[in-house]
Amino acid sequence: MLFLPREEGQGLVEYALILVLVAIVVIAILLLLGPVVGNVFSNLVQNL
C-alpha cells in the first residue's frame, strides 16, 4: 500500500489505440467501397 502504481495514462492510451484502429478500418472501407458508392450516385443523378 505504500506504492500505488499510476494507471491513469493507461486508459487514455487504450482509448487512443482503439480510435486509431477504428480510423484505419473506416479508411480501408472507404478506399474499397468509395468508387462503388460514387458510381451509384452518378447513376442516380443521370437517371434523374
PDB file of N, CA and C in Angstrom:
ATOM      1  N   MET A   1       0.804  -1.190   0.000  1.00  0.00           N
ATOM      2  CA  MET A   1       0.000   0.000   0.000  1.00  0.00           C
ATOM      3  C   MET A   1       0.854   1.263   0.000  1.00  0.00           C
ATOM      4  N   LEU A   2       2.117   1.112   0.243  1.00  0.00           N
ATOM      5  CA  LEU A   2       2.953   2.298   0.236  1.00  0.00           C
ATOM      6  C   LEU A   2       3.185   2.795  -1.184  1.00  0.00           C
ATOM      7  N   PHE A   3       3.188   1.858  -2.126  1.00  0.00           N
ATOM      8  CA  PHE A   3       3.455   2.242  -3.507  1.00  0.00           C
ATOM      9  C   PHE A   3       2.263   1.835  -4.360  1.00  0.00           C
ATOM     10  N   LEU A   4       1.547   2.818  -4.871  1.00  0.00           N
ATOM     11  CA  LEU A   4       0.412   2.554  -5.755  1.00  0.00           C
ATOM     12  C   LEU A   4       0.809   2.956  -7.170  1.00  0.00           C
ATOM     13  N   PRO A   5       0.787   2.022  -8.097  1.00  0.00           N
ATOM     14  CA  PRO A   5       1.169   2.365  -9.468  1.00  0.00           C
ATOM     15  C   PRO A   5       0.158   3.317 -10.104  1.00  0.00           C
ATOM     16  N   ARG A   6       0.668   4.197 -10.905  1.00  0.00           N
ATOM     17  CA  ARG A   6      -0.203   5.152 -11.599  1.00  0.00           C
ATOM     18  C   ARG A   6      -0.665   4.528 -12.906  1.00  0.00           C
ATOM     19  N   GLU A   7      -1.952   4.334 -13.019  1.00  0.00           N
ATOM     20  CA  GLU A   7      -2.517   3.742 -14.233  1.00  0.00           C
ATOM     21  C   GLU A   7      -3.452   4.718 -14.929  1.00  0.00           C
ATOM     22  N   GLU A   8      -3.309   5.987 -14.631  1.00  0.00           N
ATOM     23  CA  GLU A   8      -4.200   6.974 -15.222  1.00  0.00           C
ATOM     24  C   GLU A   8      -3.973   7.104 -16.725  1.00  0.00           C
ATOM     25  N   GLY A   9      -2.738   7.077 -17.163  1.00  0.00           N
ATOM     26  CA  GLY A   9      -2.437   7.229 -18.579  1.00  0.00           C
ATOM     27  C   GLY A   9      -2.710   5.985 -19.389  1.00  0.00           C
ATOM     28  N   GLN A  10      -2.828   4.857 -18.722  1.00  0.00           N
ATOM     29  CA  GLN A  10      -3.040   3.600 -19.434  1.00  0.00           C
ATOM     30  C   GLN A  10      -4.387   3.591 -20.147  1.00  0.00           C
ATOM     31  N   GLY A  11      -5.427   4.068 -19.502  1.00  0.00           N
ATOM     32  CA  GLY A  11      -6.747   4.108 -20.121  1.00  0.00           C
ATOM     33  C   GLY A  11      -6.762   5.012 -21.332  1.00  0.00           C
ATOM     34  N   LEU A  12      -6.075   6.139 -21.247  1.00  0.00           N
ATOM     35  CA  LEU A  12      -6.008   7.071 -22.366  1.00  0.00           C
ATOM     36  C   LEU A  12      -5.313   6.439 -23.559  1.00  0.00           C
ATOM     37  N   VAL A  13      -4.247   5.711 -23.302  1.00  0.00           N
ATOM     38  CA  VAL A  13      -3.519   5.041 -24.386  1.00  0.00           C
ATOM     39  C   VAL A  13      -4.396   3.974 -25.027  1.00  0.00           C
ATOM     40  N   GLU A  14      -5.140   3.235 -24.213  1.00  0.00           N
ATOM     41  CA  GLU A  14      -6.014   2.205 -24.768  1.00  0.00           C
ATOM     42  C   GLU A  14      -7.100   2.818 -25.635  1.00  0.00           C
ATOM     43  N   TYR A  15      -7.704   3.916 -25.185  1.00  0.00           N
ATOM     44  CA  TYR A  15      -8.716   4.588 -25.995  1.00  0.00           C
ATOM     45  C   TYR A  15      -8.108   5.118 -27.285  1.00  0.00           C
ATOM     46  N   ALA A  16      -6.901   5.629 -27.225  1.00  0.00           N
ATOM     47  CA  ALA A  16      -6.241   6.141 -28.425  1.00  0.00           C
ATOM     48  C   ALA A  16      -5.976   5.011 -29.417  1.00  0.00           C
ATOM     49  N   LEU A  17      -5.553   3.854 -28.931  1.00  0.00           N
ATOM     50  CA  LEU A  17      -5.316   2.717 -29.821  1.00  0.00           C
ATOM     51  C   LEU A  17      -6.605   2.240 -30.472  1.00  0.00           C
ATOM     52  N   ILE A  18      -7.684   2.194 -29.706  1.00  0.00           N
ATOM     53  CA  ILE A  18      -8.970   1.796 -30.272  1.00  0.00           C
ATOM     54  C   ILE A  18      -9.404   2.800 -31.335  1.00  0.00           C
ATOM     55  N   LEU A  19      -9.227   4.084 -31.059  1.00  0.00           N
ATOM     56  CA  LEU A  19      -9.597   5.115 -32.021  1.00  0.00           C
ATOM     57  C   LEU A  19      -8.783   4.994 -33.304  1.00  0.00           C
ATOM     58  N   VAL A  20      -7.503   4.718 -33.181  1.00  0.00           N
ATOM     59  CA  VAL A  20      -6.651   4.546 -34.360  1.00  0.00           C
ATOM     60  C   VAL A  20      -7.081   3.320 -35.161  1.00  0.00           C
ATOM     61  N   LEU A  21      -7.384   2.220 -34.492  1.00  0.00           N
ATOM     62  CA  LEU A  21      -7.826   1.021 -35.201  1.00  0.00           C
ATOM     63  C   LEU A  21      -9.152   1.253 -35.916  1.00  0.00           C
ATOM     64  N   VAL A  22     -10.082   1.932 -35.269  1.00  0.00           N
ATOM     65  CA  VAL A  22     -11.357   2.243 -35.921  1.00  0.00           C
ATOM     66  C   VAL A  22     -11.137   3.141 -37.128  1.00  0.00           C
ATOM     67  N   ALA A  23     -10.262   4.128 -37.001  1.00  0.00           N
ATOM     68  CA  ALA A  23      -9.965   5.020 -38.119  1.00  0.00           C
ATOM     69  C   ALA A  23      -9.365   4.252 -39.286  1.00  0.00           C
ATOM     70  N   ILE A  24      -8.472   3.319 -39.008  1.00  0.00           N
ATOM     71  CA  ILE A  24      -7.860   2.524 -40.076  1.00  0.00           C
ATOM     72  C   ILE A  24      -8.909   1.675 -40.785  1.00  0.00           C
ATOM     73  N   VAL A  25      -9.826   1.083 -40.019  1.00  0.00           N
ATOM     74  CA  VAL A  25     -10.881   0.262 -40.614  1.00  0.00           C
ATOM     75  C   VAL A  25     -11.797   1.127 -41.481  1.00  0.00           C
ATOM     76  N   VAL A  26     -12.173   2.296 -41.003  1.00  0.00           N
ATOM     77  CA  VAL A  26     -13.048   3.185 -41.768  1.00  0.00           C
ATOM     78  C   VAL A  26     -12.365   3.634 -43.056  1.00  0.00           C
ATOM     79  N   ILE A  27     -11.099   3.979 -42.986  1.00  0.00           N
ATOM     80  CA  ILE A  27     -10.362   4.399 -44.183  1.00  0.00           C
ATOM     81  C   ILE A  27     -10.273   3.259 -45.181  1.00  0.00           C
ATOM     82  N   ALA A  28     -10.014   2.049 -44.702  1.00  0.00           N
ATOM     83  CA  ALA A  28      -9.928   0.894 -45.598  1.00  0.00           C
ATOM     84  C   ALA A  28     -11.268   0.637 -46.281  1.00  0.00           C
ATOM     85  N   ILE A  29     -12.356   0.738 -45.529  1.00  0.00           N
ATOM     86  CA  ILE A  29     -13.685   0.525 -46.123  1.00  0.00           C
ATOM     87  C   ILE A  29     -13.984   1.602 -47.156  1.00  0.00           C
ATOM     88  N   LEU A  30     -13.647   2.844 -46.848  1.00  0.00           N
ATOM     89  CA  LEU A  30     -13.895   3.921 -47.807  1.00  0.00           C
ATOM     90  C   LEU A  30     -13.052   3.758 -49.066  1.00  0.00           C
ATOM     91  N   LEU A  31     -11.829   3.283 -48.920  1.00  0.00           N
ATOM     92  CA  LEU A  31     -10.994   3.067 -50.097  1.00  0.00           C
ATOM     93  C   LEU A  31     -11.533   1.942 -50.965  1.00  0.00           C
ATOM     94  N   LEU A  32     -12.078   0.906 -50.325  1.00  0.00           N
ATOM     95  CA  LEU A  32     -12.596  -0.221 -51.087  1.00  0.00           C
ATOM     96  C   LEU A  32     -13.959   0.083 -51.713  1.00  0.00           C
ATOM     97  N   LEU A  33     -14.822   0.751 -50.974  1.00  0.00           N
ATOM     98  CA  LEU A  33     -16.183   0.975 -51.441  1.00  0.00           C
ATOM     99  C   LEU A  33     -16.412   2.368 -52.020  1.00  0.00           C
ATOM    100  N   GLY A  34     -15.424   3.209 -51.983  1.00  0.00           N
ATOM    101  CA  GLY A  34     -15.574   4.571 -52.486  1.00  0.00           C
ATOM    102  C   GLY A  34     -16.005   4.642 -53.938  1.00  0.00           C
ATOM    103  N   PRO A  35     -15.317   3.957 -54.840  1.00  0.00           N
ATOM    104  CA  PRO A  35     -15.730   4.002 -56.243  1.00  0.00           C
ATOM    105  C   PRO A  35     -17.130   3.423 -56.477  1.00  0.00           C
ATOM    106  N   VAL A  36     -17.500   2.405 -55.747  1.00  0.00           N
ATOM    107  CA  VAL A  36     -18.821   1.800 -55.897  1.00  0.00           C
ATOM    108  C   VAL A  36     -19.897   2.803 -55.499  1.00  0.00           C
ATOM    109  N   VAL A  37     -19.697   3.466 -54.367  1.00  0.00           N
ATOM    110  CA  VAL A  37     -20.666   4.453 -53.906  1.00  0.00           C
ATOM    111  C   VAL A  37     -20.726   5.620 -54.891  1.00  0.00           C
ATOM    112  N   GLY A  38     -19.597   6.031 -55.411  1.00  0.00           N
ATOM    113  CA  GLY A  38     -19.564   7.106 -56.405  1.00  0.00           C
ATOM    114  C   GLY A  38     -20.332   6.737 -57.655  1.00  0.00           C
ATOM    115  N   ASN A  39     -20.193   5.501 -58.099  1.00  0.00           N
ATOM    116  CA  ASN A  39     -20.936   5.057 -59.288  1.00  0.00           C
ATOM    117  C   ASN A  39     -22.437   5.026 -59.025  1.00  0.00           C
ATOM    118  N   VAL A  40     -22.833   4.612 -57.848  1.00  0.00           N
ATOM    119  CA  VAL A  40     -24.264   4.592 -57.509  1.00  0.00           C
ATOM    120  C   VAL A  40     -24.829   5.987 -57.567  1.00  0.00           C
ATOM    121  N   PHE A  41     -24.138   6.958 -56.978  1.00  0.00           N
ATOM    122  CA  PHE A  41     -24.647   8.331 -57.008  1.00  0.00           C
ATOM    123  C   PHE A  41     -24.619   8.910 -58.419  1.00  0.00           C
ATOM    124  N   SER A  42     -23.617   8.571 -59.208  1.00  0.00           N
ATOM    125  CA  SER A  42     -23.575   9.039 -60.588  1.00  0.00           C
ATOM    126  C   SER A  42     -24.757   8.489 -61.389  1.00  0.00           C
ATOM    127  N   ASN A  43     -25.041   7.208 -61.226  1.00  0.00           N
ATOM    128  CA  ASN A  43     -26.183   6.607 -61.919  1.00  0.00           C
ATOM    129  C   ASN A  43     -27.489   7.235 -61.455  1.00  0.00           C
ATOM    130  N   LEU A  44     -27.590   7.523 -60.172  1.00  0.00           N
ATOM    131  CA  LEU A  44     -28.796   8.133 -59.639  1.00  0.00           C
ATOM    132  C   LEU A  44     -29.019   9.532 -60.235  1.00  0.00           C
ATOM    133  N   VAL A  45     -27.944  10.309 -60.319  1.00  0.00           N
ATOM    134  CA  VAL A  45     -28.041  11.651 -60.876  1.00  0.00           C
ATOM    135  C   VAL A  45     -28.394  11.576 -62.368  1.00  0.00           C
ATOM    136  N   GLN A  46     -27.801  10.653 -63.091  1.00  0.00           N
ATOM    137  CA  GLN A  46     -28.078  10.515 -64.517  1.00  0.00           C
ATOM    138  C   GLN A  46     -29.523  10.112 -64.764  1.00  0.00           C
ATOM    139  N   ASN A  47     -30.068   9.256 -63.912  1.00  0.00           N
ATOM    140  CA  ASN A  47     -31.444   8.800 -64.095  1.00  0.00           C
ATOM    141  C   ASN A  47     -32.452   9.891 -63.718  1.00  0.00           C
ATOM    142  N   LEU A  48     -32.049  10.796 -62.871  1.00  0.00           N
ATOM    143  CA  LEU A  48     -32.961  11.890 -62.526  1.00  0.00           C
ATOM    144  C   LEU A  48     -32.999  12.888 -63.669  1.00  0.00           C
TER     145      LEU A  48
END
